[in-house]
Amino acid sequence: MKIHPQATKGHLMVGIALILLSLGSLIASFLLDIQILPVLVFFFGVWGGVETGRYLEAWMGKRHV
């Protein structure tokens, strides 16, 4: 799998926002009895991790070239 080489800080910001949504869903799943929240924890966590990783890989590639 090839990561997009033009990842910008926007990818990092969106990744952080998605990770925060995942954490918010996790906290809400402990407080509320809504069945979809564990799915949202997984979905937002994975998507946020991918976006953050995309930015970090592009950033590290620029530094080591």
PDB file of N, CA and C in Angstrom:
ATOM      1  N   MET A   1       0.846  -1.177   0.000  1.00  0.00           N
ATOM      2  CA  MET A   1       0.000   0.000   0.000  1.00  0.00           C
ATOM      3  C   MET A   1       0.884   1.230   0.000  1.00  0.00           C
ATOM      4  N   LYS A   2       0.642   2.119  -0.930  1.00  0.00           N
ATOM      5  CA  LYS A   2       1.442   3.324  -1.021  1.00  0.00           C
ATOM      6  C   LYS A   2       0.677   4.489  -0.382  1.00  0.00           C
ATOM      7  N   ILE A   3       1.343   5.167   0.518  1.00  0.00           N
ATOM      8  CA  ILE A   3       0.747   6.313   1.188  1.00  0.00           C
ATOM      9  C   ILE A   3       0.919   7.533   0.291  1.00  0.00           C
ATOM     10  N   HIS A   4      -0.067   8.393   0.288  1.00  0.00           N
ATOM     11  CA  HIS A   4      -0.045   9.600  -0.542  1.00  0.00           C
ATOM     12  C   HIS A   4       1.143  10.479  -0.158  1.00  0.00           C
ATOM     13  N   PRO A   5       2.017  10.800  -1.108  1.00  0.00           N
ATOM     14  CA  PRO A   5       3.229  11.552  -0.751  1.00  0.00           C
ATOM     15  C   PRO A   5       2.983  13.030  -0.459  1.00  0.00           C
ATOM     16  N   GLN A   6       1.826  13.531  -0.781  1.00  0.00           N
ATOM     17  CA  GLN A   6       1.549  14.952  -0.615  1.00  0.00           C
ATOM     18  C   GLN A   6       0.691  15.240   0.616  1.00  0.00           C
ATOM     19  N   ALA A   7       0.824  14.443   1.629  1.00  0.00           N
ATOM     20  CA  ALA A   7       0.045  14.659   2.848  1.00  0.00           C
ATOM     21  C   ALA A   7       0.432  15.994   3.476  1.00  0.00           C
ATOM     22  N   THR A   8      -0.567  16.744   3.883  1.00  0.00           N
ATOM     23  CA  THR A   8      -0.349  18.077   4.441  1.00  0.00           C
ATOM     24  C   THR A   8      -0.715  18.085   5.922  1.00  0.00           C
ATOM     25  N   LYS A   9      -0.571  19.243   6.532  1.00  0.00           N
ATOM     26  CA  LYS A   9      -0.964  19.375   7.939  1.00  0.00           C
ATOM     27  C   LYS A   9      -2.467  19.208   8.102  1.00  0.00           C
ATOM     28  N   GLY A  10      -3.206  19.373   7.024  1.00  0.00           N
ATOM     29  CA  GLY A  10      -4.645  19.115   7.079  1.00  0.00           C
ATOM     30  C   GLY A  10      -4.939  17.670   7.443  1.00  0.00           C
ATOM     31  N   HIS A  11      -4.122  16.741   6.922  1.00  0.00           N
ATOM     32  CA  HIS A  11      -4.282  15.336   7.283  1.00  0.00           C
ATOM     33  C   HIS A  11      -4.059  15.138   8.777  1.00  0.00           C
ATOM     34  N   LEU A  12      -3.070  15.831   9.304  1.00  0.00           N
ATOM     35  CA  LEU A  12      -2.784  15.726  10.733  1.00  0.00           C
ATOM     36  C   LEU A  12      -3.938  16.285  11.557  1.00  0.00           C
ATOM     37  N   MET A  13      -4.465  17.420  11.168  1.00  0.00           N
ATOM     38  CA  MET A  13      -5.561  18.045  11.917  1.00  0.00           C
ATOM     39  C   MET A  13      -6.826  17.186  11.873  1.00  0.00           C
ATOM     40  N   VAL A  14      -7.139  16.651  10.702  1.00  0.00           N
ATOM     41  CA  VAL A  14      -8.313  15.785  10.575  1.00  0.00           C
ATOM     42  C   VAL A  14      -8.112  14.510  11.375  1.00  0.00           C
ATOM     43  N   GLY A  15      -6.900  13.965  11.341  1.00  0.00           N
ATOM     44  CA  GLY A  15      -6.600  12.762  12.117  1.00  0.00           C
ATOM     45  C   GLY A  15      -6.779  12.987  13.603  1.00  0.00           C
ATOM     46  N   ILE A  16      -6.293  14.108  14.083  1.00  0.00           N
ATOM     47  CA  ILE A  16      -6.445  14.428  15.509  1.00  0.00           C
ATOM     48  C   ILE A  16      -7.916  14.612  15.863  1.00  0.00           C
ATOM     49  N   ALA A  17      -8.663  15.292  14.997  1.00  0.00           N
ATOM     50  CA  ALA A  17     -10.089  15.491  15.255  1.00  0.00           C
ATOM     51  C   ALA A  17     -10.830  14.153  15.299  1.00  0.00           C
ATOM     52  N   LEU A  18     -10.489  13.237  14.397  1.00  0.00           N
ATOM     53  CA  LEU A  18     -11.142  11.931  14.386  1.00  0.00           C
ATOM     54  C   LEU A  18     -10.771  11.108  15.614  1.00  0.00           C
ATOM     55  N   ILE A  19      -9.527  11.201  16.041  1.00  0.00           N
ATOM     56  CA  ILE A  19      -9.117  10.497  17.252  1.00  0.00           C
ATOM     57  C   ILE A  19      -9.848  11.057  18.471  1.00  0.00           C
ATOM     58  N   LEU A  20     -10.026  12.364  18.513  1.00  0.00           N
ATOM     59  CA  LEU A  20     -10.784  12.969  19.614  1.00  0.00           C
ATOM     60  C   LEU A  20     -12.253  12.551  19.579  1.00  0.00           C
ATOM     61  N   LEU A  21     -12.815  12.430  18.373  1.00  0.00           N
ATOM     62  CA  LEU A  21     -14.183  11.908  18.254  1.00  0.00           C
ATOM     63  C   LEU A  21     -14.259  10.475  18.764  1.00  0.00           C
ATOM     64  N   SER A  22     -13.247   9.691  18.475  1.00  0.00           N
ATOM     65  CA  SER A  22     -13.205   8.319  18.958  1.00  0.00           C
ATOM     66  C   SER A  22     -13.158   8.282  20.485  1.00  0.00           C
ATOM     67  N   LEU A  23     -12.321   9.122  21.074  1.00  0.00           N
ATOM     68  CA  LEU A  23     -12.248   9.170  22.534  1.00  0.00           C
ATOM     69  C   LEU A  23     -13.557   9.661  23.147  1.00  0.00           C
ATOM     70  N   GLY A  24     -14.184  10.643  22.507  1.00  0.00           N
ATOM     71  CA  GLY A  24     -15.480  11.123  22.981  1.00  0.00           C
ATOM     72  C   GLY A  24     -16.545  10.042  22.904  1.00  0.00           C
ATOM     73  N   SER A  25     -16.508   9.258  21.820  1.00  0.00           N
ATOM     74  CA  SER A  25     -17.452   8.144  21.693  1.00  0.00           C
ATOM     75  C   SER A  25     -17.192   7.075  22.743  1.00  0.00           C
ATOM     76  N   LEU A  26     -15.917   6.861  23.071  1.00  0.00           N
ATOM     77  CA  LEU A  26     -15.574   5.886  24.107  1.00  0.00           C
ATOM     78  C   LEU A  26     -16.132   6.314  25.461  1.00  0.00           C
ATOM     79  N   ILE A  27     -15.945   7.575  25.798  1.00  0.00           N
ATOM     80  CA  ILE A  27     -16.461   8.091  27.071  1.00  0.00           C
ATOM     81  C   ILE A  27     -17.983   8.027  27.088  1.00  0.00           C
ATOM     82  N   ALA A  28     -18.603   8.414  25.968  1.00  0.00           N
ATOM     83  CA  ALA A  28     -20.063   8.373  25.895  1.00  0.00           C
ATOM     84  C   ALA A  28     -20.586   6.947  25.983  1.00  0.00           C
ATOM     85  N   SER A  29     -19.831   5.976  25.455  1.00  0.00           N
ATOM     86  CA  SER A  29     -20.294   4.587  25.517  1.00  0.00           C
ATOM     87  C   SER A  29     -20.310   4.069  26.954  1.00  0.00           C
ATOM     88  N   PHE A  30     -19.448   4.624  27.820  1.00  0.00           N
ATOM     89  CA  PHE A  30     -19.482   4.244  29.229  1.00  0.00           C
ATOM     90  C   PHE A  30     -20.656   4.887  29.951  1.00  0.00           C
ATOM     91  N   LEU A  31     -21.062   6.073  29.499  1.00  0.00           N
ATOM     92  CA  LEU A  31     -22.113   6.808  30.196  1.00  0.00           C
ATOM     93  C   LEU A  31     -23.511   6.536  29.650  1.00  0.00           C
ATOM     94  N   LEU A  32     -23.605   6.241  28.365  1.00  0.00           N
ATOM     95  CA  LEU A  32     -24.901   6.057  27.713  1.00  0.00           C
ATOM     96  C   LEU A  32     -25.044   4.623  27.217  1.00  0.00           C
ATOM     97  N   ASP A  33     -26.252   4.183  27.095  1.00  0.00           N
ATOM     98  CA  ASP A  33     -26.503   2.832  26.595  1.00  0.00           C
ATOM     99  C   ASP A  33     -27.001   2.919  25.145  1.00  0.00           C
ATOM    100  N   ILE A  34     -26.093   3.315  24.266  1.00  0.00           N
ATOM    101  CA  ILE A  34     -26.407   3.413  22.844  1.00  0.00           C
ATOM    102  C   ILE A  34     -25.543   2.386  22.116  1.00  0.00           C
ATOM    103  N   GLN A  35     -26.161   1.545  21.322  1.00  0.00           N
ATOM    104  CA  GLN A  35     -25.481   0.401  20.731  1.00  0.00           C
ATOM    105  C   GLN A  35     -24.452   0.779  19.654  1.00  0.00           C
ATOM    106  N   ILE A  36     -24.588   1.904  18.991  1.00  0.00           N
ATOM    107  CA  ILE A  36     -23.702   2.265  17.885  1.00  0.00           C
ATOM    108  C   ILE A  36     -22.367   2.841  18.370  1.00  0.00           C
ATOM    109  N   LEU A  37     -22.278   3.271  19.593  1.00  0.00           N
ATOM    110  CA  LEU A  37     -21.071   3.952  20.063  1.00  0.00           C
ATOM    111  C   LEU A  37     -19.800   3.105  19.987  1.00  0.00           C
ATOM    112  N   PRO A  38     -19.813   1.823  20.333  1.00  0.00           N
ATOM    113  CA  PRO A  38     -18.576   1.046  20.162  1.00  0.00           C
ATOM    114  C   PRO A  38     -18.113   0.969  18.702  1.00  0.00           C
ATOM    115  N   VAL A  39     -19.054   0.942  17.778  1.00  0.00           N
ATOM    116  CA  VAL A  39     -18.702   0.944  16.352  1.00  0.00           C
ATOM    117  C   VAL A  39     -18.055   2.275  15.981  1.00  0.00           C
ATOM    118  N   LEU A  40     -18.578   3.368  16.512  1.00  0.00           N
ATOM    119  CA  LEU A  40     -18.002   4.681  16.229  1.00  0.00           C
ATOM    120  C   LEU A  40     -16.610   4.826  16.826  1.00  0.00           C
ATOM    121  N   VAL A  41     -16.379   4.237  17.993  1.00  0.00           N
ATOM    122  CA  VAL A  41     -15.043   4.259  18.595  1.00  0.00           C
ATOM    123  C   VAL A  41     -14.054   3.611  17.635  1.00  0.00           C
ATOM    124  N   PHE A  42     -14.400   2.438  17.131  1.00  0.00           N
ATOM    125  CA  PHE A  42     -13.523   1.734  16.195  1.00  0.00           C
ATOM    126  C   PHE A  42     -13.353   2.519  14.894  1.00  0.00           C
ATOM    127  N   PHE A  43     -14.457   2.960  14.304  1.00  0.00           N
ATOM    128  CA  PHE A  43     -14.426   3.643  13.007  1.00  0.00           C
ATOM    129  C   PHE A  43     -13.598   4.926  13.069  1.00  0.00           C
ATOM    130  N   PHE A  44     -13.900   5.795  14.029  1.00  0.00           N
ATOM    131  CA  PHE A  44     -13.167   7.056  14.123  1.00  0.00           C
ATOM    132  C   PHE A  44     -11.715   6.829  14.534  1.00  0.00           C
ATOM    133  N   GLY A  45     -11.463   5.834  15.369  1.00  0.00           N
ATOM    134  CA  GLY A  45     -10.092   5.553  15.790  1.00  0.00           C
ATOM    135  C   GLY A  45      -9.221   5.074  14.647  1.00  0.00           C
ATOM    136  N   VAL A  46      -9.740   4.154  13.847  1.00  0.00           N
ATOM    137  CA  VAL A  46      -8.969   3.641  12.708  1.00  0.00           C
ATOM    138  C   VAL A  46      -8.765   4.733  11.670  1.00  0.00           C
ATOM    139  N   TRP A  47      -9.820   5.440  11.331  1.00  0.00           N
ATOM    140  CA  TRP A  47      -9.717   6.492  10.321  1.00  0.00           C
ATOM    141  C   TRP A  47      -8.768   7.604  10.789  1.00  0.00           C
ATOM    142  N   GLY A  48      -8.854   7.985  12.042  1.00  0.00           N
ATOM    143  CA  GLY A  48      -7.957   9.001  12.582  1.00  0.00           C
ATOM    144  C   GLY A  48      -6.515   8.535  12.597  1.00  0.00           C
ATOM    145  N   GLY A  49      -6.302   7.265  12.915  1.00  0.00           N
ATOM    146  CA  GLY A  49      -4.956   6.715  12.895  1.00  0.00           C
ATOM    147  C   GLY A  49      -4.364   6.676  11.501  1.00  0.00           C
ATOM    148  N   VAL A  50      -5.177   6.360  10.522  1.00  0.00           N
ATOM    149  CA  VAL A  50      -4.705   6.335   9.134  1.00  0.00           C
ATOM    150  C   VAL A  50      -4.322   7.739   8.681  1.00  0.00           C
ATOM    151  N   GLU A  51      -5.158   8.718   8.959  1.00  0.00           N
ATOM    152  CA  GLU A  51      -4.854  10.090   8.538  1.00  0.00           C
ATOM    153  C   GLU A  51      -3.614  10.633   9.239  1.00  0.00           C
ATOM    154  N   THR A  52      -3.484  10.358  10.521  1.00  0.00           N
ATOM    155  CA  THR A  52      -2.309  10.809  11.270  1.00  0.00           C
ATOM    156  C   THR A  52      -1.056  10.105  10.767  1.00  0.00           C
ATOM    157  N   GLY A  53      -1.164   8.810  10.535  1.00  0.00           N
ATOM    158  CA  GLY A  53      -0.034   8.050  10.011  1.00  0.00           C
ATOM    159  C   GLY A  53       0.384   8.499   8.624  1.00  0.00           C
ATOM    160  N   ARG A  54      -0.575   8.877   7.804  1.00  0.00           N
ATOM    161  CA  ARG A  54      -0.287   9.376   6.463  1.00  0.00           C
ATOM    162  C   ARG A  54       0.567  10.643   6.543  1.00  0.00           C
ATOM    163  N   TYR A  55       0.180  11.543   7.434  1.00  0.00           N
ATOM    164  CA  TYR A  55       0.963  12.775   7.590  1.00  0.00           C
ATOM    165  C   TYR A  55       2.352  12.475   8.148  1.00  0.00           C
ATOM    166  N   LEU A  56       2.422  11.628   9.177  1.00  0.00           N
ATOM    167  CA  LEU A  56       3.709  11.330   9.799  1.00  0.00           C
ATOM    168  C   LEU A  56       4.661  10.630   8.830  1.00  0.00           C
ATOM    169  N   GLU A  57       4.140   9.733   7.997  1.00  0.00           N
ATOM    170  CA  GLU A  57       4.997   9.067   7.028  1.00  0.00           C
ATOM    171  C   GLU A  57       5.525  10.055   5.992  1.00  0.00           C
ATOM    172  N   ALA A  58       4.690  10.962   5.519  1.00  0.00           N
ATOM    173  CA  ALA A  58       5.146  11.972   4.570  1.00  0.00           C
ATOM    174  C   ALA A  58       6.158  12.910   5.217  1.00  0.00           C
ATOM    175  N   TRP A  59       5.926  13.270   6.485  1.00  0.00           N
ATOM    176  CA  TRP A  59       6.846  14.149   7.205  1.00  0.00           C
ATOM    177  C   TRP A  59       8.200  13.483   7.407  1.00  0.00           C
ATOM    178  N   MET A  60       8.189  12.210   7.783  1.00  0.00           N
ATOM    179  CA  MET A  60       9.454  11.503   7.985  1.00  0.00           C
ATOM    180  C   MET A  60      10.182  11.282   6.661  1.00  0.00           C
ATOM    181  N   GLY A  61       9.440  11.066   5.590  1.00  0.00           N
ATOM    182  CA  GLY A  61      10.054  10.892   4.283  1.00  0.00           C
ATOM    183  C   GLY A  61      10.755  12.153   3.808  1.00  0.00           C
ATOM    184  N   LYS A  62      10.196  13.294   4.125  1.00  0.00           N
ATOM    185  CA  LYS A  62      10.811  14.582   3.745  1.00  0.00           C
ATOM    186  C   LYS A  62      12.076  14.851   4.562  1.00  0.00           C
ATOM    187  N   ARG A  63      12.090  14.426   5.812  1.00  0.00           N
ATOM    188  CA  ARG A  63      13.223  14.696   6.691  1.00  0.00           C
ATOM    189  C   ARG A  63      14.422  13.815   6.368  1.00  0.00           C
ATOM    190  N   HIS A  64      14.176  12.589   5.888  1.00  0.00           N
ATOM    191  CA  HIS A  64      15.273  11.645   5.688  1.00  0.00           C
ATOM    192  C   HIS A  64      15.754  11.588   4.242  1.00  0.00           C
ATOM    193  N   VAL A  65      15.251  12.429   3.409  1.00  0.00           N
ATOM    194  CA  VAL A  65      15.672  12.409   2.002  1.00  0.00           C
ATOM    195  C   VAL A  65      16.848  13.315   1.790  1.00  0.00           C
TER     196      VAL A  65
END
